[in-house]
């Protein structure tokens, strides 16, 4: 039964993740969600044929608009969102099984995928996704508590959500340029979702996020400064940095899928470690010919 729930959840995430492109594209640029949903934003041409088929639509998007020939900004993003959503919902389903609370975590997972995509593209946390997510999570957690009499879990979720919101609000007031209020609202939602699992889960989630975020931020600051000094030319610097960002982001999207297949279907963690070692060696081999810069 759990395997069926996991498979159905992953398949649903794959289809729904493709549709998240509409939210990411429109709400990220603060445009209305009016129909037709799949259209050229330059001339309004309605998508047809492959452009209406989930995930496969990337084949049409990569060619640009057939009417005005304007290129699509992120032609492959629907497929990336589909894979990421399938992985997230599949993992949640493998954790909760046929539990009614899976509905709440499915909403949470899809919203986190959409918010992450907007944040990566626009560096904003869209309220038009955060507020509906909260509006759906609260009744779903209440329903889960009522069905199985888990009112203690609901109490922990409320406490963790409130503490996370207040804690991040203090940071926002102390350093307003370092943290936007969108992060404060999102912290409340994440606190609610992690708090349902327990105080320890919420603490580890936020502490790990803070530690990893701070470390990665420091690393990125130094790394980008050094990279700009060794790029071939200042004129093509923006293009070269874009390629580097794709090279950094793509493995983070693909790795969870590979890890899931290795651990669940190909022999467990020994296979995962073996694949990791092979990929590491391939990466070292790929950069071996680089002897100097400029």
Protein backbone atom coordinates (compact mmCIF):
# COMPACT_ATOMS: atom_id res chain seq x y z
CA UNK A 1 0.00 0.00 0.00
CA UNK A 2 2.80 2.42 0.92
CA UNK A 3 4.57 1.69 -2.36
CA UNK A 4 1.37 2.51 -4.26
CA UNK A 5 0.93 5.77 -2.33
CA UNK A 6 4.55 6.71 -3.02
CA UNK A 7 4.23 5.96 -6.73
CA UNK A 8 0.96 7.87 -7.10
CA UNK A 9 2.36 10.82 -5.13
CA UNK A 10 5.51 10.95 -7.23
CA UNK A 11 3.49 10.76 -10.46
CA UNK A 12 1.14 13.47 -9.23
CA UNK A 13 4.11 15.63 -8.26
CA UNK A 14 5.56 15.17 -11.74
CA UNK A 15 2.40 16.50 -13.38
CA UNK A 16 1.66 19.22 -10.82
CA UNK A 17 5.29 20.33 -10.79
CA UNK A 18 5.08 21.11 -14.49
CA UNK A 19 2.07 23.32 -13.77
CA UNK A 20 4.03 25.19 -11.09
CA UNK A 21 5.79 26.97 -13.96
CA UNK A 22 2.69 29.17 -14.32
CA UNK A 23 2.90 30.28 -10.68
CA UNK A 24 6.67 30.72 -10.79
CA UNK A 25 6.63 32.73 -14.02
CA UNK A 26 3.56 34.89 -13.37
CA UNK A 27 3.83 35.52 -9.63
CA UNK A 28 7.59 35.93 -9.81
CA UNK A 29 7.07 38.87 -12.16
CA UNK A 30 3.91 40.03 -10.32
CA UNK A 31 1.63 39.31 -13.28
CA UNK A 32 -1.96 38.05 -12.98
CA UNK A 33 -2.89 34.37 -13.37
CA UNK A 34 -5.26 35.05 -16.26
CA UNK A 35 -5.89 32.65 -19.13
CA UNK A 36 -4.63 31.30 -21.40
CA UNK A 37 -2.07 30.01 -18.92
CA UNK A 38 0.39 28.76 -21.52
CA UNK A 39 1.04 31.64 -23.88
CA UNK A 40 3.75 33.93 -25.19
CA UNK A 41 4.05 36.91 -22.86
CA UNK A 42 5.34 39.09 -25.68
CA UNK A 43 2.54 38.70 -28.24
CA UNK A 44 -0.09 36.67 -26.36
CA UNK A 45 0.05 33.72 -28.77
CA UNK A 46 -1.69 30.68 -27.22
CA UNK A 47 0.37 27.49 -26.90
CA UNK A 48 -0.74 24.62 -29.11
CA UNK A 49 0.30 21.02 -29.80
CA UNK A 50 3.34 19.97 -27.77
CA UNK A 51 3.15 23.27 -25.90
CA UNK A 52 0.10 21.94 -24.02
CA UNK A 53 1.55 18.53 -23.05
CA UNK A 54 3.00 18.45 -19.50
CA UNK A 55 6.81 18.24 -19.38
CA UNK A 56 7.00 17.49 -23.12
CA UNK A 57 6.16 21.16 -23.64
CA UNK A 58 9.85 21.97 -23.14
CA UNK A 59 10.46 20.77 -26.71
CA UNK A 60 8.17 23.53 -27.99
CA UNK A 61 9.39 26.14 -25.50
CA UNK A 62 13.03 25.75 -26.49
CA UNK A 63 12.15 26.85 -30.04
CA UNK A 64 10.58 30.09 -28.80
CA UNK A 65 7.26 31.61 -29.82
CA UNK A 66 6.11 30.42 -33.28
CA UNK A 67 4.30 33.73 -33.82
CA UNK A 68 6.80 36.42 -32.84
CA UNK A 69 9.98 34.28 -32.48
CA UNK A 70 10.70 35.65 -28.99
CA UNK A 71 12.79 33.20 -26.95
CA UNK A 72 11.37 31.72 -23.76
CA UNK A 73 13.43 32.82 -20.77
CA UNK A 74 13.49 29.45 -18.98
CA UNK A 75 12.44 26.83 -21.55
CA UNK A 76 13.43 23.79 -19.48
CA UNK A 77 12.17 24.97 -16.09
CA UNK A 78 8.81 23.10 -16.27
CA UNK A 79 10.71 19.80 -16.53
CA UNK A 80 13.02 20.74 -13.65
CA UNK A 81 10.03 21.68 -11.49
CA UNK A 82 8.30 18.43 -12.44
CA UNK A 83 11.27 16.29 -11.40
CA UNK A 84 11.84 18.24 -8.18
CA UNK A 85 8.15 18.00 -7.23
CA UNK A 86 8.04 14.27 -8.00
CA UNK A 87 11.04 13.67 -5.74
CA UNK A 88 9.66 15.81 -2.90
CA UNK A 89 6.17 14.29 -2.95
CA UNK A 90 7.59 10.80 -3.36
CA UNK A 91 9.81 11.24 -0.30
CA UNK A 92 6.95 12.66 1.76
CA UNK A 93 4.75 9.73 0.72
CA UNK A 94 7.45 7.21 1.67
CA UNK A 95 7.64 8.91 5.08
CA UNK A 96 3.91 9.24 5.85
CA UNK A 97 2.31 6.52 3.72
CA UNK A 98 -1.48 6.68 3.53
CA UNK A 99 -1.70 9.05 6.49
CA UNK A 100 -4.17 11.90 6.01
CA UNK A 101 -1.45 14.39 6.96
CA UNK A 102 0.26 13.58 3.64
CA UNK A 103 -2.13 16.05 1.99
CA UNK A 104 -0.74 18.87 4.13
CA UNK A 105 2.86 17.95 3.34
CA UNK A 106 2.06 17.63 -0.36
CA UNK A 107 0.84 21.24 -0.33
CA UNK A 108 3.89 22.26 1.69
CA UNK A 109 6.29 20.44 -0.64
CA UNK A 110 4.85 21.88 -3.84
CA UNK A 111 4.83 25.40 -2.41
CA UNK A 112 8.47 25.07 -1.30
CA UNK A 113 9.47 23.99 -4.81
CA UNK A 114 7.64 26.97 -6.34
CA UNK A 115 8.99 29.46 -3.80
CA UNK A 116 12.54 28.16 -4.28
CA UNK A 117 12.25 28.61 -8.05
CA UNK A 118 10.99 32.18 -7.69
CA UNK A 119 13.66 33.00 -5.13
CA UNK A 120 16.42 31.65 -7.36
CA UNK A 121 15.15 33.68 -10.30
CA UNK A 122 13.99 36.91 -8.64
CA UNK A 123 15.45 36.86 -5.11
CA UNK A 124 11.98 37.36 -3.59
CA UNK A 125 9.61 35.28 -1.47
CA UNK A 126 6.20 35.70 -3.19
CA UNK A 127 3.38 36.46 -0.76
CA UNK A 128 0.88 35.18 -3.32
CA UNK A 129 2.29 31.69 -2.69
CA UNK A 130 3.10 31.94 1.03
CA UNK A 131 -0.36 33.12 2.12
CA UNK A 132 -2.37 30.48 0.18
CA UNK A 133 0.03 27.83 1.47
CA UNK A 134 -0.63 28.88 5.05
CA UNK A 135 -4.38 29.07 4.37
CA UNK A 136 -4.33 25.45 3.17
CA UNK A 137 -1.92 24.04 5.75
CA UNK A 138 -3.82 25.19 8.82
CA UNK A 139 -7.14 23.44 8.04
CA UNK A 140 -5.32 20.35 6.73
CA UNK A 141 -3.34 20.02 9.96
CA UNK A 142 -6.50 20.59 11.99
CA UNK A 143 -8.24 17.88 9.96
CA UNK A 144 -5.33 15.49 10.51
CA UNK A 145 -5.46 16.17 14.23
CA UNK A 146 -9.21 15.60 14.39
CA UNK A 147 -9.09 12.33 12.43
CA UNK A 148 -6.39 10.66 14.55
CA UNK A 149 -6.71 12.75 17.75
CA UNK A 150 -3.20 14.17 17.37
CA UNK A 151 -3.89 17.49 19.02
CA UNK A 152 -0.44 17.46 20.60
CA UNK A 153 1.12 17.57 17.13
CA UNK A 154 -1.08 20.52 16.21
CA UNK A 155 -0.05 22.32 19.39
CA UNK A 156 3.64 21.78 18.62
CA UNK A 157 3.12 22.98 15.06
CA UNK A 158 1.45 26.19 16.26
CA UNK A 159 4.18 26.85 18.84
CA UNK A 160 7.03 26.24 16.38
CA UNK A 161 5.36 28.37 13.71
CA UNK A 162 4.91 31.26 16.12
CA UNK A 163 8.44 30.97 17.54
CA UNK A 164 9.97 30.82 14.06
CA UNK A 165 7.99 33.84 12.91
CA UNK A 166 8.91 35.90 15.98
CA UNK A 167 12.55 34.85 15.87
CA UNK A 168 12.97 35.79 12.23
CA UNK A 169 11.01 39.00 12.82
CA UNK A 170 13.57 40.03 15.44
CA UNK A 171 16.35 39.35 12.93
CA UNK A 172 14.47 41.35 10.30
CA UNK A 173 14.13 44.34 12.64
CA UNK A 174 17.77 44.08 13.72
CA UNK A 175 19.16 43.70 10.19
CA UNK A 176 16.44 44.81 7.73
CA UNK A 177 18.81 44.82 4.76
CA UNK A 178 19.99 41.30 5.48
CA UNK A 179 16.57 39.67 5.70
CA UNK A 180 13.34 40.67 4.00
CA UNK A 181 9.93 40.30 5.60
CA UNK A 182 9.11 37.58 3.07
CA UNK A 183 11.67 35.39 4.84
CA UNK A 184 9.89 36.08 8.13
CA UNK A 185 6.55 34.92 6.76
CA UNK A 186 8.12 31.86 5.17
CA UNK A 187 9.82 30.96 8.46
CA UNK A 188 6.40 30.78 10.12
CA UNK A 189 5.15 28.36 7.46
CA UNK A 190 8.24 26.16 7.72
CA UNK A 191 8.01 26.22 11.52
CA UNK A 192 4.41 25.05 11.29
CA UNK A 193 5.27 22.15 8.99
CA UNK A 194 8.38 20.98 10.86
CA UNK A 195 6.78 21.53 14.28
CA UNK A 196 4.08 19.00 13.50
CA UNK A 197 6.79 16.33 13.48
CA UNK A 198 8.23 17.48 16.80
CA UNK A 199 10.25 20.20 18.50
CA UNK A 200 13.48 18.39 17.67
CA UNK A 201 12.66 18.30 13.97
CA UNK A 202 11.92 22.03 13.96
CA UNK A 203 15.11 22.87 15.84
CA UNK A 204 17.31 20.72 13.63
CA UNK A 205 15.61 22.07 10.50
CA UNK A 206 16.16 25.71 11.36
CA UNK A 207 19.58 25.25 12.91
CA UNK A 208 20.82 23.24 9.96
CA UNK A 209 19.30 25.73 7.54
CA UNK A 210 20.94 28.65 9.34
CA UNK A 211 24.31 26.93 9.59
CA UNK A 212 24.35 25.73 5.98
CA UNK A 213 22.95 29.02 4.68
CA UNK A 214 25.53 31.11 6.53
CA UNK A 215 28.40 28.89 5.46
CA UNK A 216 27.25 28.74 1.87
CA UNK A 217 26.71 32.50 1.80
CA UNK A 218 30.25 33.17 2.98
CA UNK A 219 31.61 30.68 0.50
CA UNK A 220 29.59 32.15 -2.38
CA UNK A 221 30.74 35.69 -1.60
CA UNK A 222 34.41 34.76 -1.75
CA UNK A 223 33.91 32.31 -4.63
CA UNK A 224 32.14 34.82 -6.89
CA UNK A 225 34.75 37.47 -6.18
CA UNK A 226 37.54 35.08 -7.14
CA UNK A 227 35.70 33.77 -10.20
CA UNK A 228 35.27 37.24 -11.69
CA UNK A 229 39.03 37.69 -11.51
CA UNK A 230 39.83 34.64 -13.63
CA UNK A 231 37.09 34.76 -16.29
CA UNK A 232 38.36 35.13 -19.87
CA UNK A 233 37.01 38.66 -20.35
CA UNK A 234 34.94 41.30 -18.57
CA UNK A 235 32.66 41.72 -21.60
CA UNK A 236 31.31 38.14 -21.35
CA UNK A 237 31.33 38.01 -17.57
CA UNK A 238 27.52 37.85 -17.19
CA UNK A 239 27.24 34.97 -19.66
CA UNK A 240 30.08 33.04 -18.04
CA UNK A 241 28.60 33.47 -14.55
CA UNK A 242 25.26 32.23 -15.88
CA UNK A 243 26.89 29.06 -17.17
CA UNK A 244 28.63 28.58 -13.83
CA UNK A 245 25.33 28.99 -11.95
CA UNK A 246 23.66 26.39 -14.16
CA UNK A 247 26.55 24.02 -13.54
CA UNK A 248 26.13 24.55 -9.78
CA UNK A 249 22.33 24.24 -9.72
CA UNK A 250 21.74 21.33 -12.11
CA UNK A 251 23.49 18.68 -9.96
CA UNK A 252 21.46 19.77 -6.92
CA UNK A 253 18.28 19.03 -8.86
CA UNK A 254 19.46 15.74 -10.37
CA UNK A 255 21.32 14.30 -7.35
CA UNK A 256 18.21 13.56 -5.19
CA UNK A 257 16.69 11.56 -8.04
CA UNK A 258 19.86 9.51 -8.52
CA UNK A 259 20.19 9.01 -4.76
CA UNK A 260 16.58 7.81 -4.49
CA UNK A 261 17.05 5.26 -7.29
CA UNK A 262 20.33 4.01 -5.82
CA UNK A 263 19.08 3.64 -2.26
CA UNK A 264 15.62 2.21 -3.00
CA UNK A 265 16.13 0.16 -6.16
CA UNK A 266 19.84 -0.51 -6.72
CA UNK A 267 21.17 -1.98 -3.51
CA UNK A 268 21.05 0.80 -0.94
CA UNK A 269 23.75 3.09 0.38
CA UNK A 270 26.76 1.04 -0.85
CA UNK A 271 25.57 1.67 -4.40
CA UNK A 272 25.05 5.36 -3.62
CA UNK A 273 28.61 5.65 -2.26
CA UNK A 274 29.99 3.86 -5.31
CA UNK A 275 28.12 6.18 -7.70
CA UNK A 276 29.29 9.19 -5.68
CA UNK A 277 32.89 8.04 -6.00
CA UNK A 278 32.57 7.52 -9.75
CA UNK A 279 31.01 10.96 -10.23
CA UNK A 280 33.77 12.54 -8.14
CA UNK A 281 36.46 10.89 -10.26
CA UNK A 282 34.71 11.98 -13.46
CA UNK A 283 34.59 15.55 -12.16
CA UNK A 284 38.30 15.49 -11.35
CA UNK A 285 39.05 14.06 -14.79
CA UNK A 286 36.95 16.78 -16.46
CA UNK A 287 38.99 19.62 -14.92
CA UNK A 288 42.37 17.88 -15.20
CA UNK A 289 43.23 19.55 -18.56
CA UNK A 290 42.84 23.04 -17.00
CA UNK A 291 46.38 24.09 -16.16
CA UNK A 292 46.01 27.84 -15.85
CA UNK A 293 43.61 30.77 -16.31
CA UNK A 294 43.60 33.53 -18.88
